[in-house]
Amino acid sequence: MNLSGANSSPFHLDPISPFAGVKGMEQLKKEARAFLDSMAADPVAGADIPDVTLRWKQIQSEIESTGTYKHNYKELEFGSRLAWRNSNRCIGRHFWRTLQVHDARKCDSLDEAVSHLKCHVNAAFNGGKISNVITIFPQAQSSEDVPWRMANHQLVRYAGFEQAHGKVLGDPDSIDLTKYCINQGWDTKETPWTPLPWVLVESGRAHTPVDPFHDGNLSPHDIPIAHPDFPATKNLGLRWYAVPILADMALKIGGVIYPFAPFNGHYLGTEIAARNLTDPDRYNVLKPWAESCGIATKLRRGLWQDEALVRLNQALLASFDAAGVTVGDHHQIGRAFEQWCQAEERQGREVPGDWSWLTPPMSGSLTPQYHRHFTNSVITHTNYFYQPPPRVNGMTFTSKAKETHRLLATDAFPEEDVPKRCPFSSLGRTLKSFWK
């Protein structure tokens, strides 16, 4: 995934509102009213607010007496969907009305929390026909009163085990959390594809890691990846889990913050095959993959990386299809998203977007998003936001992949590949002769 989490990002949760005294209360009222008006104006959800004036009076009164307010289920349902629709970085948000909303706001024990999360994993997988699901835990009552959080980035993610000589078995992005879980007594077989246990944080206190996958009662639903035309690719043993269930973002509905609300759509193939498996600081499998496909890797200008990347993306789609699991490809989803953008424009609604996320990490210029201008304005009253990770026993777990966009290669050429002269120097002289 094209992740960026710089603290200046407009997609970070404001740490002040709505818990900043009178100013925060007024901001909360403003955002609550904006959400209520959005719901009332919706041709479907508007029917669930028979009297907008009455409901607004109830919300104002509740805010003034308690400092916050509670959503009824219909507001929770529409708000979760609207937050998805408002998410600038998601190219699958045209599915926003299909989001299934599971209400876990009364959760008050670890066993109950784990049960909710297991239900989410299974409901989302749905026998391979991936369902869009969100499970919403209790809202924050103040900046200090946060009932539930999770140290994990996703409900399913592979561990990263440090080996000798700086090598990593598994996902390098999971090293810190893996270390923590082992130090807390997690005992597991070390493989490149070992699912991490869950580290749930209740009211600021971390529970002992829970491994729901250990006994086999819950499956990560991972899928072996191989190219049907290149049998040797099977020997690499690549695989990936079926559903990306994000667990570390905050849901905000009408100013009310739900710090723990795991949600999922379905995967876009490039998220896995052009990023997770190939990024140099993740699984970094592109070269062995190329070799297993019989692609020569010595000549950079032979574009072997590009050829291998296409083969890996073909394999990912073919493998998910063979397993009967929903996955999108960047051309299909790109066209559908563009059609939705055009439909929204015909209704006089602009679709804000983050171009760097909506354009896929391969063949970008072949998709409509590459050629479209997006206004990256953020709808703040109802949306999904990054938030500071929970502090667990004095440690902070971060995803290195989303700290910043950065150049991963230290040099353009390895020392042995540095050209003796610029390959374009003669072209430059030819062009200059025309200018004279």
Protein backbone atom coordinates (compact mmCIF):
# COMPACT_ATOMS: atom_id res chain seq x y z
CA MET A 1 0.00 0.00 0.00
CA ASN A 2 1.15 3.53 -0.72
CA LEU A 3 1.27 4.59 2.90
CA SER A 4 2.25 7.96 4.26
CA GLY A 5 1.81 9.03 7.85
CA ALA A 6 3.74 12.29 8.18
CA ASN A 7 2.48 14.24 11.18
CA SER A 8 1.61 17.18 8.94
CA SER A 9 -0.79 15.02 6.93
CA PRO A 10 -4.38 16.32 6.82
CA PHE A 11 -5.46 12.70 7.31
CA HIS A 12 -4.27 12.70 10.94
CA LEU A 13 -6.80 13.02 13.71
CA ASP A 14 -6.80 16.42 15.40
CA PRO A 15 -5.62 15.66 18.96
CA ILE A 16 -7.47 18.70 20.37
CA SER A 17 -11.03 18.54 19.08
CA PRO A 18 -13.54 17.68 20.46
CA PHE A 19 -12.01 17.56 23.95
CA ALA A 20 -10.82 21.12 24.40
CA GLY A 21 -13.31 22.80 26.70
CA VAL A 22 -15.75 25.31 25.28
CA LYS A 23 -13.87 25.59 21.98
CA GLY A 24 -13.93 21.84 21.55
CA MET A 25 -17.62 21.67 22.43
CA GLU A 26 -18.50 24.27 19.82
CA GLN A 27 -16.44 22.40 17.22
CA LEU A 28 -18.24 19.19 18.14
CA LYS A 29 -21.62 20.87 17.67
CA LYS A 30 -20.50 22.22 14.29
CA GLU A 31 -19.37 18.79 13.08
CA ALA A 32 -22.44 17.07 14.53
CA ARG A 33 -24.70 19.46 12.61
CA ALA A 34 -22.73 18.96 9.38
CA PHE A 35 -23.15 15.20 9.69
CA LEU A 36 -26.84 15.46 10.54
CA ASP A 37 -27.44 17.65 7.49
CA SER A 38 -25.54 15.17 5.29
CA MET A 39 -27.68 12.32 6.55
CA ALA A 40 -30.92 14.27 6.16
CA ALA A 41 -29.98 15.16 2.57
CA ASP A 42 -29.24 11.56 1.60
CA PRO A 43 -32.03 10.04 -0.51
CA VAL A 44 -31.82 6.74 1.41
CA ALA A 45 -30.69 7.56 4.95
CA GLY A 46 -32.74 10.76 5.15
CA ALA A 47 -35.83 8.67 5.85
CA ASP A 48 -34.25 7.60 9.17
CA ILE A 49 -34.42 11.19 10.49
CA PRO A 50 -38.15 11.99 10.51
CA ASP A 51 -37.64 15.24 12.45
CA VAL A 52 -34.25 16.90 11.94
CA THR A 53 -35.08 19.84 14.22
CA LEU A 54 -36.00 17.55 17.10
CA ARG A 55 -32.93 15.36 16.66
CA TRP A 56 -30.66 18.41 16.55
CA LYS A 57 -32.12 19.71 19.82
CA GLN A 58 -31.47 16.32 21.41
CA ILE A 59 -27.85 16.31 20.24
CA GLN A 60 -27.20 19.87 21.45
CA SER A 61 -28.68 19.13 24.84
CA GLU A 62 -26.61 15.95 25.21
CA ILE A 63 -23.38 17.73 24.26
CA GLU A 64 -24.03 20.53 26.74
CA SER A 65 -24.78 18.13 29.58
CA THR A 66 -22.17 15.40 28.95
CA GLY A 67 -19.57 16.93 26.62
CA THR A 68 -20.40 14.48 23.85
CA TYR A 69 -23.37 12.63 22.35
CA LYS A 70 -24.28 9.13 21.26
CA HIS A 71 -25.40 7.97 17.84
CA ASN A 72 -28.38 5.74 17.36
CA TYR A 73 -27.76 2.68 15.19
CA LYS A 74 -29.04 4.27 11.97
CA GLU A 75 -26.70 7.22 12.48
CA LEU A 76 -23.84 4.86 13.25
CA GLU A 77 -24.57 2.85 10.10
CA PHE A 78 -24.86 5.81 7.76
CA GLY A 79 -21.93 7.60 9.41
CA SER A 80 -19.59 4.64 8.89
CA ARG A 81 -20.59 4.46 5.25
CA LEU A 82 -20.30 8.20 4.75
CA ALA A 83 -16.82 8.15 6.31
CA TRP A 84 -15.81 5.61 3.67
CA ARG A 85 -17.30 7.71 0.91
CA ASN A 86 -15.32 10.71 2.23
CA SER A 87 -11.98 8.82 2.32
CA ASN A 88 -9.71 10.58 -0.16
CA ARG A 89 -7.22 7.74 -0.41
CA CYS A 90 -9.57 4.86 -1.15
CA ILE A 91 -10.25 3.89 -4.77
CA GLY A 92 -12.94 1.42 -3.67
CA ARG A 93 -15.24 3.91 -1.97
CA HIS A 94 -17.87 3.66 -4.66
CA PHE A 95 -18.91 0.53 -2.73
CA TRP A 96 -19.70 2.70 0.31
CA ARG A 97 -23.36 1.77 0.62
CA THR A 98 -22.51 -1.94 0.90
CA LEU A 99 -20.61 -1.57 4.19
CA GLN A 100 -21.93 -3.94 6.88
CA VAL A 101 -21.88 -2.27 10.29
CA HIS A 102 -21.35 -4.41 13.41
CA ASP A 103 -22.14 -2.57 16.64
CA ALA A 104 -19.67 -3.50 19.41
CA ARG A 105 -20.11 -0.31 21.44
CA LYS A 106 -21.12 -2.23 24.56
CA CYS A 107 -17.95 -4.36 24.59
CA ASP A 108 -16.48 -4.40 28.11
CA SER A 109 -14.25 -7.49 28.31
CA LEU A 110 -11.29 -9.04 26.52
CA ASP A 111 -13.21 -12.21 25.69
CA GLU A 112 -16.02 -10.20 24.16
CA ALA A 113 -13.57 -8.07 22.15
CA VAL A 114 -11.82 -11.16 20.79
CA SER A 115 -15.19 -12.68 19.89
CA HIS A 116 -16.18 -9.54 17.96
CA LEU A 117 -12.90 -9.58 16.04
CA LYS A 118 -13.17 -13.27 15.16
CA CYS A 119 -16.68 -12.65 13.85
CA HIS A 120 -15.31 -9.78 11.76
CA VAL A 121 -12.59 -11.92 10.16
CA ASN A 122 -15.09 -14.63 9.19
CA ALA A 123 -17.85 -12.25 8.08
CA ALA A 124 -15.40 -10.31 5.93
CA PHE A 125 -14.00 -13.44 4.29
CA ASN A 126 -17.53 -14.72 3.60
CA GLY A 127 -16.40 -17.94 1.96
CA GLY A 128 -14.17 -16.00 -0.43
CA LYS A 129 -16.81 -13.51 -1.60
CA ILE A 130 -15.30 -10.69 0.45
CA SER A 131 -17.82 -8.54 2.33
CA ASN A 132 -17.14 -4.94 3.34
CA VAL A 133 -17.39 -4.89 7.14
CA ILE A 134 -16.74 -2.52 10.04
CA THR A 135 -16.89 -3.40 13.75
CA ILE A 136 -17.30 -0.34 15.94
CA PHE A 137 -16.13 -0.39 19.56
CA PRO A 138 -17.06 2.25 22.20
CA GLN A 139 -16.47 5.91 21.47
CA ALA A 140 -13.85 7.97 23.28
CA GLN A 141 -15.35 9.95 26.14
CA SER A 142 -12.31 12.23 26.40
CA SER A 143 -8.72 12.32 25.15
CA GLU A 144 -7.76 10.23 28.21
CA ASP A 145 -10.81 7.96 28.30
CA VAL A 146 -10.25 5.59 25.35
CA PRO A 147 -11.98 2.25 26.02
CA TRP A 148 -10.32 0.11 23.32
CA ARG A 149 -7.35 0.30 20.96
CA MET A 150 -5.13 -2.22 19.24
CA ALA A 151 -1.38 -2.25 18.68
CA ASN A 152 -1.79 -4.22 15.42
CA HIS A 153 -1.97 -2.41 12.08
CA GLN A 154 -4.37 -5.04 10.67
CA LEU A 155 -6.27 -7.97 12.16
CA VAL A 156 -4.23 -10.28 9.92
CA ARG A 157 -0.58 -9.42 9.38
CA TYR A 158 2.53 -11.58 9.20
CA ALA A 159 5.18 -11.49 11.92
CA GLY A 160 8.80 -10.45 11.31
CA PHE A 161 11.46 -12.51 13.10
CA GLU A 162 14.97 -11.07 13.30
CA GLN A 163 17.66 -13.51 12.20
CA ALA A 164 21.45 -13.46 12.20
CA HIS A 165 23.34 -10.87 10.13
CA GLY A 166 20.40 -8.46 10.05
CA LYS A 167 18.12 -10.72 8.05
CA VAL A 168 14.40 -10.98 8.71
CA LEU A 169 12.16 -14.02 8.38
CA GLY A 170 8.72 -12.71 7.47
CA ASP A 171 7.57 -9.10 7.24
CA PRO A 172 10.21 -6.52 8.27
CA ASP A 173 7.41 -4.06 8.98
CA SER A 174 6.31 -6.24 11.92
CA ILE A 175 9.65 -6.58 13.75
CA ASP A 176 8.81 -4.32 16.71
CA LEU A 177 5.42 -5.87 17.43
CA THR A 178 6.82 -9.38 16.95
CA LYS A 179 9.56 -8.69 19.50
CA TYR A 180 7.04 -7.35 21.97
CA CYS A 181 4.76 -10.38 21.61
CA ILE A 182 7.67 -12.81 22.09
CA ASN A 183 8.78 -10.91 25.19
CA GLN A 184 5.23 -11.24 26.51
CA GLY A 185 5.36 -15.01 26.18
CA TRP A 186 4.13 -15.62 22.64
CA ASP A 187 5.54 -18.99 21.59
CA THR A 188 5.10 -19.88 17.95
CA LYS A 189 6.77 -21.52 14.99
CA GLU A 190 8.86 -19.01 13.07
CA THR A 191 7.91 -18.95 9.39
CA PRO A 192 7.73 -16.21 6.75
CA TRP A 193 3.92 -16.36 7.02
CA THR A 194 3.15 -16.61 10.74
CA PRO A 195 0.11 -14.46 11.63
CA LEU A 196 0.72 -12.04 14.47
CA PRO A 197 -1.30 -12.37 17.69
CA TRP A 198 -3.63 -9.56 18.73
CA VAL A 199 -2.47 -6.98 21.26
CA LEU A 200 -5.62 -5.33 22.59
CA VAL A 201 -5.34 -2.23 24.76
CA GLU A 202 -8.20 -1.61 27.19
CA SER A 203 -8.34 1.84 28.83
CA GLY A 204 -4.60 2.29 28.27
CA ARG A 205 -3.63 -1.14 29.61
CA ALA A 206 -2.28 -3.77 27.22
CA HIS A 207 -3.64 -7.28 27.58
CA THR A 208 -1.39 -10.30 27.11
CA PRO A 209 -1.19 -11.08 23.36
CA VAL A 210 -4.01 -13.31 22.15
CA ASP A 211 -3.20 -15.69 19.28
CA PRO A 212 -6.54 -16.52 17.65
CA PHE A 213 -4.87 -18.44 14.80
CA HIS A 214 -2.77 -20.80 16.92
CA ASP A 215 -5.35 -23.53 17.47
CA GLY A 216 -6.69 -23.45 13.92
CA ASN A 217 -10.17 -22.33 14.96
CA LEU A 218 -9.66 -19.05 13.10
CA SER A 219 -8.00 -19.00 9.70
CA PRO A 220 -6.03 -16.07 8.27
CA HIS A 221 -7.44 -17.26 4.92
CA ASP A 222 -4.10 -16.92 3.18
CA ILE A 223 -3.68 -17.92 -0.45
CA PRO A 224 -0.62 -19.53 -2.11
CA ILE A 225 0.68 -17.42 -4.98
CA ALA A 226 2.20 -18.96 -8.12
CA HIS A 227 2.08 -18.21 -11.84
CA PRO A 228 0.20 -20.84 -13.86
CA ASP A 229 2.65 -20.49 -16.77
CA PHE A 230 5.82 -20.70 -14.67
CA PRO A 231 5.74 -23.79 -12.38
CA ALA A 232 9.02 -22.87 -10.67
CA THR A 233 7.33 -19.89 -9.00
CA LYS A 234 5.50 -22.33 -6.74
CA ASN A 235 8.81 -23.26 -5.13
CA LEU A 236 9.14 -19.76 -3.66
CA GLY A 237 6.25 -20.54 -1.32
CA LEU A 238 4.70 -17.07 -1.62
CA ARG A 239 1.29 -16.43 -0.10
CA TRP A 240 -0.87 -13.60 1.21
CA TYR A 241 -3.97 -13.26 3.36
CA ALA A 242 -7.33 -12.65 1.72
CA VAL A 243 -8.67 -9.59 3.54
CA PRO A 244 -7.00 -6.29 4.58
CA ILE A 245 -8.75 -5.41 7.86
CA LEU A 246 -7.33 -2.10 9.08
CA ALA A 247 -7.32 -1.85 12.87
CA ASP A 248 -5.32 1.27 13.78
CA MET A 249 -7.34 4.10 12.26
CA ALA A 250 -9.94 6.20 14.06
CA LEU A 251 -13.49 6.53 12.78
CA LYS A 252 -15.02 9.95 13.23
CA ILE A 253 -18.77 10.50 12.77
CA GLY A 254 -20.19 13.96 13.29
CA GLY A 255 -17.25 14.88 15.52
CA VAL A 256 -17.56 11.76 17.71
CA ILE A 257 -14.39 9.66 17.72
CA TYR A 258 -14.34 5.85 17.70
CA PRO A 259 -10.65 5.02 18.29
CA PHE A 260 -11.10 1.32 17.52
CA ALA A 261 -13.23 0.46 14.52
CA PRO A 262 -11.60 -2.25 12.36
CA PHE A 263 -12.85 -2.13 8.77
CA ASN A 264 -12.17 -3.71 5.40
CA GLY A 265 -12.91 -3.64 1.73
CA HIS A 266 -11.28 -6.15 -0.59
CA TYR A 267 -7.75 -6.15 -1.92
CA LEU A 268 -6.55 -4.45 -5.07
CA GLY A 269 -3.99 -6.83 -6.57
CA THR A 270 -1.26 -4.19 -6.83
CA GLU A 271 -1.39 -3.56 -3.07
CA ILE A 272 0.06 -7.02 -2.56
CA ALA A 273 2.03 -7.80 -5.73
CA ALA A 274 3.41 -4.33 -6.47
CA ARG A 275 4.01 -3.24 -2.88
CA ASN A 276 3.82 -5.70 0.05
CA LEU A 277 5.72 -8.50 -1.68
CA THR A 278 8.13 -6.34 -3.68
CA ASP A 279 9.00 -3.22 -1.67
CA PRO A 280 12.69 -3.35 -0.66
CA ASP A 281 11.78 -2.84 2.99
CA ARG A 282 9.03 -5.46 2.93
CA TYR A 283 9.29 -8.98 1.44
CA ASN A 284 11.54 -7.83 -1.44
CA VAL A 285 10.95 -10.91 -3.61
CA LEU A 286 11.17 -9.34 -7.07
CA LYS A 287 14.59 -10.71 -8.05
CA PRO A 288 14.02 -14.36 -6.99
CA TRP A 289 10.57 -14.11 -8.56
CA ALA A 290 12.09 -12.91 -11.85
CA GLU A 291 14.60 -15.75 -11.83
CA SER A 292 11.86 -18.32 -11.21
CA CYS A 293 10.08 -16.95 -14.30
CA GLY A 294 13.28 -17.30 -16.37
CA ILE A 295 13.77 -13.54 -16.66
CA ALA A 296 17.41 -12.38 -16.96
CA THR A 297 18.17 -9.89 -14.20
CA LYS A 298 21.66 -8.66 -15.12
CA LEU A 299 20.74 -5.85 -17.49
CA ARG A 300 18.78 -3.08 -15.79
CA ARG A 301 17.96 -1.43 -19.09
CA GLY A 302 16.33 -4.66 -20.16
CA LEU A 303 13.54 -3.62 -17.74
CA TRP A 304 13.54 -6.96 -15.99
CA GLN A 305 11.93 -5.42 -12.90
CA ASP A 306 8.95 -4.26 -14.95
CA GLU A 307 8.55 -7.63 -16.65
CA ALA A 308 8.78 -9.47 -13.33
CA LEU A 309 6.30 -7.10 -11.70
CA VAL A 310 3.71 -7.79 -14.40
CA ARG A 311 4.23 -11.55 -14.00
CA LEU A 312 3.81 -11.31 -10.22
CA ASN A 313 0.62 -9.28 -10.55
CA GLN A 314 -0.71 -11.80 -13.07
CA ALA A 315 0.10 -14.58 -10.62
CA LEU A 316 -1.61 -12.79 -7.72
CA LEU A 317 -4.84 -12.32 -9.66
CA ALA A 318 -4.77 -15.87 -11.03
CA SER A 319 -4.12 -17.33 -7.56
CA PHE A 320 -6.95 -15.41 -5.90
CA ASP A 321 -9.27 -16.34 -8.76
CA ALA A 322 -8.34 -20.02 -8.49
CA ALA A 323 -9.07 -19.88 -4.74
CA GLY A 324 -12.43 -18.22 -5.38
CA VAL A 325 -11.47 -15.10 -3.41
CA THR A 326 -12.49 -11.58 -4.40
CA VAL A 327 -9.67 -9.33 -5.61
CA GLY A 328 -9.72 -6.26 -7.82
CA ASP A 329 -7.30 -5.35 -10.58
CA HIS A 330 -6.20 -1.76 -11.07
CA HIS A 331 -7.79 -1.43 -14.52
CA GLN A 332 -11.18 -2.79 -13.46
CA ILE A 333 -11.39 -0.81 -10.20
CA GLY A 334 -9.95 2.29 -11.88
CA ARG A 335 -12.68 2.29 -14.53
CA ALA A 336 -15.42 1.72 -11.95
CA PHE A 337 -14.12 4.52 -9.75
CA GLU A 338 -13.97 6.90 -12.72
CA GLN A 339 -17.58 6.07 -13.62
CA TRP A 340 -18.60 6.86 -10.04
CA CYS A 341 -16.67 10.16 -10.15
CA GLN A 342 -18.53 11.13 -13.31
CA ALA A 343 -21.89 10.16 -11.79
CA GLU A 344 -21.11 12.27 -8.72
CA GLU A 345 -20.18 15.24 -10.92
CA ARG A 346 -23.49 14.98 -12.77
CA GLN A 347 -25.16 15.39 -9.37
CA GLY A 348 -23.07 18.47 -8.66
CA ARG A 349 -20.83 16.73 -6.12
CA GLU A 350 -17.05 16.91 -6.30
CA VAL A 351 -15.05 13.80 -5.39
CA PRO A 352 -11.97 14.81 -3.38
CA GLY A 353 -8.99 12.52 -3.72
CA ASP A 354 -5.31 11.97 -3.03
CA TRP A 355 -3.85 11.40 -6.51
CA SER A 356 -0.75 9.62 -5.19
CA TRP A 357 -2.94 6.95 -3.61
CA LEU A 358 -5.60 6.63 -6.29
CA THR A 359 -3.02 6.11 -9.05
CA PRO A 360 -1.78 2.48 -8.85
CA PRO A 361 1.91 1.66 -8.30
CA MET A 362 2.19 0.09 -11.76
CA SER A 363 0.85 1.09 -15.19
CA GLY A 364 -0.55 4.26 -13.65
CA SER A 365 -0.88 6.12 -16.95
CA LEU A 366 -3.17 3.38 -18.27
CA THR A 367 -5.79 4.19 -15.62
CA PRO A 368 -8.24 7.14 -15.64
CA GLN A 369 -6.96 8.39 -12.27
CA TYR A 370 -3.58 9.29 -13.72
CA HIS A 371 -5.21 11.80 -16.05
CA ARG A 372 -7.69 13.29 -13.58
CA HIS A 373 -7.09 16.22 -11.25
CA PHE A 374 -8.29 15.71 -7.69
CA THR A 375 -8.82 18.37 -5.06
CA ASN A 376 -7.31 16.84 -1.94
CA SER A 377 -9.60 18.63 0.51
CA VAL A 378 -10.55 16.63 3.60
CA ILE A 379 -14.10 16.37 4.92
CA THR A 380 -13.35 16.49 8.62
CA HIS A 381 -16.70 15.92 10.33
CA THR A 382 -17.06 12.30 9.16
CA ASN A 383 -14.04 10.36 7.95
CA TYR A 384 -11.31 7.84 8.82
CA PHE A 385 -8.12 9.28 10.29
CA TYR A 386 -4.65 8.21 11.32
CA GLN A 387 -4.05 8.53 15.04
CA PRO A 388 -1.03 8.17 17.31
CA PRO A 389 -0.44 4.49 18.09
CA PRO A 390 -1.31 3.30 21.60
CA ARG A 391 1.46 3.32 24.15
CA VAL A 392 2.05 -0.19 25.41
CA ASN A 393 4.32 -0.64 28.43
CA GLY A 394 6.22 2.50 27.46
CA MET A 395 6.74 1.34 23.86
CA THR A 396 5.19 2.70 20.70
CA PHE A 397 4.56 0.45 17.73
CA THR A 398 4.73 2.14 14.37
CA SER A 399 4.49 0.93 10.83
CA LYS A 400 7.77 1.95 9.21
CA ALA A 401 6.12 1.75 5.80
CA LYS A 402 3.81 4.65 6.53
CA GLU A 403 6.18 7.13 8.14
CA THR A 404 7.01 8.94 4.93
CA HIS A 405 7.48 8.64 1.19
CA ARG A 406 11.19 8.05 0.75
CA LEU A 407 13.75 6.97 -1.79
CA LEU A 408 14.75 3.45 -0.84
CA ALA A 409 17.76 3.18 -3.18
CA THR A 410 20.81 5.02 -1.84
CA ASP A 411 22.41 5.31 -5.27
CA ALA A 412 21.04 5.32 -8.79
CA PHE A 413 23.60 2.68 -9.81
CA PRO A 414 25.56 0.07 -7.87
CA GLU A 415 29.27 0.81 -8.13
CA GLU A 416 29.87 -1.90 -10.71
CA ASP A 417 27.05 -0.62 -12.96
CA VAL A 418 28.02 3.07 -13.15
CA PRO A 419 28.08 4.04 -16.86
CA LYS A 420 31.39 5.25 -18.24
CA ARG A 421 29.58 8.21 -19.79
CA CYS A 422 26.04 9.52 -19.86
CA PRO A 423 24.02 7.35 -22.26
CA PHE A 424 22.12 10.42 -23.43
CA SER A 425 25.11 12.69 -24.07
CA SER A 426 25.15 12.18 -27.86
CA LEU A 427 21.41 12.86 -28.02
CA GLY A 428 21.95 16.17 -26.22
CA ARG A 429 24.58 17.26 -28.76
CA THR A 430 22.24 16.37 -31.63
CA LEU A 431 19.41 18.46 -30.18
CA LYS A 432 21.73 21.42 -29.60
CA SER A 433 22.72 21.32 -33.27
CA PHE A 434 19.04 21.81 -34.19
CA TRP A 435 18.75 24.84 -31.88
CA LYS A 436 21.73 26.50 -33.56
